[in-house]
Amino acid sequence: MSDNEIGKDAELQRLEQFVDKLLKNFSALKEERASLLQTLRDRDTSLVEKDGLIANHEATIADRENVIAEREKTIQERESTIEERDTTIRGHEERIRDLEQQLDSKNSEREQISGKVRSIVDQIESWEMSLEEDESYTPDESEGGDEEGAGQKELF
């Protein structure tokens, strides 16, 4: 073999090694690409799943917001009912105070009337007693009084 042929064989061998190296790098890059594509697919799947979870969470949040809004409405209605009841109670309390005042006034009036009736009864009893005393007393003509006139003077 000549130097020229040996040089060509060496170059051919180097070329084969270089092509072999390129093929190995290409295969490694191809595997890395496939791995990256799989990772990308997995991430896409993960993102889709996460998007689904986010949508579920958003729906849950919306439901809870609706529940909260309904509860707030119920609370406002209850507060309104409580205010109405408080107003009614205050009205009843005021009416009770008025009735108690009227009752006190009527009791006072009753006591005054009772006192007047007692006074009249006492006067009648006193008058009856004086009449009884006058009936037992017979006036002399010298005193110049008649029984009816004497009894009437004491009565008035």
Foldseek 3Di string as FASTA:
>chain_A
DDPVVVVVVVVVVVVVVVVVVVVVVVVVVVVVVVVVVVVVVVVVVVVVVVVVVVVVVVVVVVVVVVVVVVVVVVVVVVVVVVVVVVVVVVVVVVVVVVVVVVVVVVVVVVVVVVVVVVVVVVLVVVLVVVLVVLVVDDDDVVVVDDSVVVSVVVSD
